[in-house]
C-alpha atoms as a PDB file:
ATOM      1  CA  MET A   1       9.025  -2.759 -10.341  1.00  0.00           C
ATOM      2  CA  PHE A   2       5.885  -1.141  -9.075  1.00  0.00           C
ATOM      3  CA  ASP A   3       2.462  -3.325  -9.287  1.00  0.00           C
ATOM      4  CA  ILE A   4      -1.049  -3.879  -7.992  1.00  0.00           C
ATOM      5  CA  THR A   5      -1.757  -7.601  -7.709  1.00  0.00           C
ATOM      6  CA  HIS A   6      -4.435 -10.224  -6.960  1.00  0.00           C
ATOM      7  CA  GLN A   7      -1.134 -12.789  -6.363  1.00  0.00           C
ATOM      8  CA  PRO A   8       0.236 -13.862  -2.868  1.00  0.00           C
ATOM      9  CA  LEU A   9       3.482 -12.005  -2.235  1.00  0.00           C
ATOM     10  CA  SER A  10       7.013 -13.345  -1.518  1.00  0.00           C
ATOM     11  CA  ILE A  11       9.970 -10.466  -0.873  1.00  0.00           C
ATOM     12  CA  GLU A  12      12.291 -12.742  -2.789  1.00  0.00           C
ATOM     13  CA  PRO A  13      11.067 -11.819  -6.246  1.00  0.00           C
ATOM     14  CA  LEU A  14      11.497  -7.882  -5.294  1.00  0.00           C
ATOM     15  CA  VAL A  15      14.820  -8.466  -3.729  1.00  0.00           C
ATOM     16  CA  ARG A  16      16.156  -9.960  -6.944  1.00  0.00           C
ATOM     17  CA  ALA A  17      15.005  -7.093  -8.953  1.00  0.00           C
ATOM     18  CA  VAL A  18      16.556  -4.351  -7.496  1.00  0.00           C
ATOM     19  CA  THR A  19      19.927  -5.944  -6.562  1.00  0.00           C
ATOM     20  CA  ARG A  20      22.814  -4.423  -9.266  1.00  0.00           C
ATOM     21  CA  PRO A  21      26.369  -5.082  -8.621  1.00  0.00           C
ATOM     22  CA  SER A  22      26.266  -1.422  -6.907  1.00  0.00           C
ATOM     23  CA  SER A  23      24.103  -2.317  -4.311  1.00  0.00           C
ATOM     24  CA  GLY A  24      26.202  -2.776  -0.676  1.00  0.00           C
ATOM     25  CA  ALA A  25      22.745  -3.271   0.427  1.00  0.00           C
ATOM     26  CA  VAL A  26      19.423  -4.424   0.176  1.00  0.00           C
ATOM     27  CA  ALA A  27      16.216  -3.244   2.346  1.00  0.00           C
ATOM     28  CA  SER A  28      13.218  -4.893   2.216  1.00  0.00           C
ATOM     29  CA  PHE A  29       9.667  -4.713   3.652  1.00  0.00           C
ATOM     30  CA  LEU A  30       6.927  -7.398   3.903  1.00  0.00           C
ATOM     31  CA  GLY A  31       3.636  -5.962   5.490  1.00  0.00           C
ATOM     32  CA  VAL A  32       1.379  -9.375   6.923  1.00  0.00           C
ATOM     33  CA  VAL A  33      -2.356  -9.365   8.067  1.00  0.00           C
ATOM     34  CA  ARG A  34      -2.328  -9.418  11.914  1.00  0.00           C
ATOM     35  CA  GLU A  35      -4.614 -10.550  13.971  1.00  0.00           C
ATOM     36  CA  GLN A  36      -5.300  -7.042  16.312  1.00  0.00           C
ATOM     37  CA  THR A  37      -6.312  -3.774  15.274  1.00  0.00           C
ATOM     38  CA  ARG A  38      -6.835  -1.006  17.650  1.00  0.00           C
ATOM     39  CA  GLY A  39      -7.421  -3.658  20.276  1.00  0.00           C
ATOM     40  CA  ARG A  40     -10.158  -5.252  17.761  1.00  0.00           C
ATOM     41  CA  ARG A  41      -9.478  -8.763  16.674  1.00  0.00           C
ATOM     42  CA  VAL A  42      -9.669  -9.200  13.093  1.00  0.00           C
ATOM     43  CA  LEU A  43     -10.985 -11.842  11.068  1.00  0.00           C
ATOM     44  CA  TYR A  44      -9.504 -10.721   7.795  1.00  0.00           C
ATOM     45  CA  LEU A  45      -8.742  -7.898   5.530  1.00  0.00           C
ATOM     46  CA  GLU A  46     -10.177  -6.891   1.793  1.00  0.00           C
ATOM     47  CA  TYR A  47      -7.901  -4.307  -0.327  1.00  0.00           C
ATOM     48  CA  GLU A  48      -9.192  -1.987  -3.019  1.00  0.00           C
ATOM     49  CA  ALA A  49      -7.031   0.264  -5.175  1.00  0.00           C
ATOM     50  CA  TYR A  50      -7.634   2.775  -7.818  1.00  0.00           C
ATOM     51  CA  ARG A  51      -4.585   0.705 -10.064  1.00  0.00           C
ATOM     52  CA  GLU A  52      -4.669   3.624 -12.416  1.00  0.00           C
ATOM     53  CA  MET A  53      -3.463   6.068 -10.175  1.00  0.00           C
ATOM     54  CA  ALA A  54      -1.559   3.832  -7.678  1.00  0.00           C
ATOM     55  CA  ILE A  55       1.137   2.479  -9.891  1.00  0.00           C
ATOM     56  CA  PRO A  56       1.938   6.475 -10.865  1.00  0.00           C
ATOM     57  CA  LYS A  57       1.798   7.319  -7.036  1.00  0.00           C
ATOM     58  CA  MET A  58       4.190   4.281  -6.664  1.00  0.00           C
ATOM     59  CA  ARG A  59       6.274   5.349  -8.857  1.00  0.00           C
ATOM     60  CA  GLU A  60       6.353   9.378  -7.329  1.00  0.00           C
ATOM     61  CA  ILE A  61       7.465   8.086  -4.138  1.00  0.00           C
ATOM     62  CA  ALA A  62      10.505   6.186  -6.092  1.00  0.00           C
ATOM     63  CA  ASP A  63      11.237   9.689  -7.424  1.00  0.00           C
ATOM     64  CA  GLU A  64      10.976  11.022  -3.862  1.00  0.00           C
ATOM     65  CA  ILE A  65      13.815   8.600  -2.702  1.00  0.00           C
ATOM     66  CA  ARG A  66      16.102   9.187  -5.436  1.00  0.00           C
ATOM     67  CA  GLY A  67      15.720  12.663  -4.521  1.00  0.00           C
ATOM     68  CA  LYS A  68      16.712  12.208  -0.736  1.00  0.00           C
ATOM     69  CA  TRP A  69      19.053   9.389  -0.704  1.00  0.00           C
ATOM     70  CA  LYS A  70      21.230   7.275  -3.400  1.00  0.00           C
ATOM     71  CA  VAL A  71      19.252   4.469  -4.061  1.00  0.00           C
ATOM     72  CA  ASP A  72      20.082   1.976  -6.734  1.00  0.00           C
ATOM     73  CA  GLU A  73      16.555   0.399  -7.220  1.00  0.00           C
ATOM     74  CA  ILE A  74      13.305   0.652  -6.160  1.00  0.00           C
ATOM     75  CA  ALA A  75      10.468  -2.236  -6.027  1.00  0.00           C
ATOM     76  CA  MET A  76       6.917  -1.774  -4.882  1.00  0.00           C
ATOM     77  CA  ILE A  77       4.076  -4.226  -4.902  1.00  0.00           C
ATOM     78  CA  HIS A  78       0.787  -4.282  -2.993  1.00  0.00           C
ATOM     79  CA  ARG A  79      -1.308  -7.310  -2.929  1.00  0.00           C
ATOM     80  CA  ILE A  80      -5.571  -6.279  -3.738  1.00  0.00           C
ATOM     81  CA  GLY A  81      -8.435  -8.736  -2.522  1.00  0.00           C
ATOM     82  CA  HIS A  82      -9.529 -10.532   0.341  1.00  0.00           C
ATOM     83  CA  LEU A  83      -6.100 -11.212   2.656  1.00  0.00           C
ATOM     84  CA  GLU A  84      -6.079 -13.474   5.585  1.00  0.00           C
ATOM     85  CA  ILE A  85      -4.459 -13.832   9.100  1.00  0.00           C
ATOM     86  CA  GLY A  86      -0.625 -13.716   8.492  1.00  0.00           C
ATOM     87  CA  GLU A  87      -0.863 -13.199   4.508  1.00  0.00           C
ATOM     88  CA  ALA A  88       1.466 -10.089   3.344  1.00  0.00           C
ATOM     89  CA  SER A  89      -0.270  -7.376   1.943  1.00  0.00           C
ATOM     90  CA  VAL A  90       2.828  -5.396   0.758  1.00  0.00           C
ATOM     91  CA  ALA A  91       6.008  -5.697  -0.440  1.00  0.00           C
ATOM     92  CA  ILE A  92       8.700  -3.406  -0.619  1.00  0.00           C
ATOM     93  CA  ALA A  93      12.223  -3.497  -1.410  1.00  0.00           C
ATOM     94  CA  VAL A  94      15.381  -0.878  -1.780  1.00  0.00           C
ATOM     95  CA  SER A  95      19.098  -1.537  -2.817  1.00  0.00           C
ATOM     96  CA  ALA A  96      21.525   1.041  -2.169  1.00  0.00           C
ATOM     97  CA  PRO A  97      25.629   1.122  -2.075  1.00  0.00           C
ATOM     98  CA  HIS A  98      24.930   1.417   1.885  1.00  0.00           C
ATOM     99  CA  ARG A  99      22.868   0.158   4.226  1.00  0.00           C
ATOM    100  CA  HIS A 100      21.598   3.722   6.014  1.00  0.00           C
ATOM    101  CA  GLN A 101      20.288   4.441   2.793  1.00  0.00           C
ATOM    102  CA  ALA A 102      18.772   1.510   1.838  1.00  0.00           C
ATOM    103  CA  LEU A 103      17.280   1.099   5.454  1.00  0.00           C
ATOM    104  CA  ALA A 104      16.055   5.190   5.339  1.00  0.00           C
ATOM    105  CA  ALA A 105      14.594   4.404   1.812  1.00  0.00           C
ATOM    106  CA  CYS A 106      12.913   1.455   2.662  1.00  0.00           C
ATOM    107  CA  ALA A 107      10.683   3.335   5.655  1.00  0.00           C
ATOM    108  CA  TYR A 108      10.332   6.180   4.200  1.00  0.00           C
ATOM    109  CA  ALA A 109       8.470   4.101   1.158  1.00  0.00           C
ATOM    110  CA  ILE A 110       6.174   2.428   3.143  1.00  0.00           C
ATOM    111  CA  ASP A 111       5.216   5.828   5.119  1.00  0.00           C
ATOM    112  CA  ARG A 112       4.603   7.186   2.196  1.00  0.00           C
ATOM    113  CA  LEU A 113       2.737   4.524   0.573  1.00  0.00           C
ATOM    114  CA  LYS A 114       0.286   4.766   3.250  1.00  0.00           C
ATOM    115  CA  GLU A 115       0.179   8.071   3.278  1.00  0.00           C
ATOM    116  CA  ILE A 116      -0.652   8.677  -0.467  1.00  0.00           C
ATOM    117  CA  VAL A 117      -1.582   5.392  -3.179  1.00  0.00           C
ATOM    118  CA  PRO A 118      -4.873   5.427  -3.423  1.00  0.00           C
ATOM    119  CA  ILE A 119      -5.178   1.385  -1.897  1.00  0.00           C
ATOM    120  CA  TRP A 120      -7.813   1.407   1.186  1.00  0.00           C
ATOM    121  CA  LYS A 121      -8.734  -1.793   2.846  1.00  0.00           C
ATOM    122  CA  LYS A 122     -11.833  -3.305   5.006  1.00  0.00           C
ATOM    123  CA  GLU A 123     -11.028  -4.263   8.250  1.00  0.00           C
ATOM    124  CA  VAL A 124     -13.406  -6.866   9.607  1.00  0.00           C
ATOM    125  CA  TRP A 125     -14.069  -7.875  12.821  1.00  0.00           C
ATOM    126  CA  ILE A 126     -15.849 -10.219  14.959  1.00  0.00           C
ATOM    127  CA  ASP A 127     -18.653  -7.332  15.770  1.00  0.00           C
ATOM    128  CA  GLY A 128     -18.124  -5.287  12.597  1.00  0.00           C
ATOM    129  CA  GLU A 129     -16.065  -3.811  10.187  1.00  0.00           C
ATOM    130  CA  GLU A 130     -14.098  -0.377   8.753  1.00  0.00           C
ATOM    131  CA  TRP A 131     -12.881   0.956   5.655  1.00  0.00           C
ATOM    132  CA  VAL A 132      -9.574   2.630   6.295  1.00  0.00           C
ATOM    133  CA  GLY A 133      -7.520   4.562   3.317  1.00  0.00           C
ATOM    134  CA  PRO A 134      -4.789   6.806   2.721  1.00  0.00           C
ATOM    135  CA  GLY A 135      -3.282   8.838   5.100  1.00  0.00           C
ATOM    136  CA  THR A 136      -5.232   6.950   7.717  1.00  0.00           C
ATOM    137  CA  CYS A 137      -2.252   5.292   9.556  1.00  0.00           C
ATOM    138  CA  GLU A 138      -2.951   4.684  12.720  1.00  0.00           C
ATOM    139  CA  HIS A 139       1.206   5.427  13.305  1.00  0.00           C
ATOM    140  CA  HIS A 140       1.049   9.024  12.340  1.00  0.00           C
END
């Protein structure tokens, strides 16, 4: 389950999609729009994606994960369009036989998504705006 959508996101469908009888753990991540970025008050975000490349890149991340950890299933969905404070922008779920693999793989998935998937966000503030793209995560 890999997708780019305009629809609101919920983590529950992803958790259901990845859970298998062999899964002892399901780790999930739900990224939401926050009101502050780099000390500036955010009004809203606009997301755009190159869908034809984004979904294959998500699958590439899943392949990387499978090469590093024993996992059952992986799901990633990113929302595009206009998002208000508190709305979910990205949802990820990873199932695995054990929690350590699920947690590590889920953390890796969001970091890699921000690094290589062609998704851009426009941060809109009271006094301006700026486009931010892959590889520009403020925590790297």
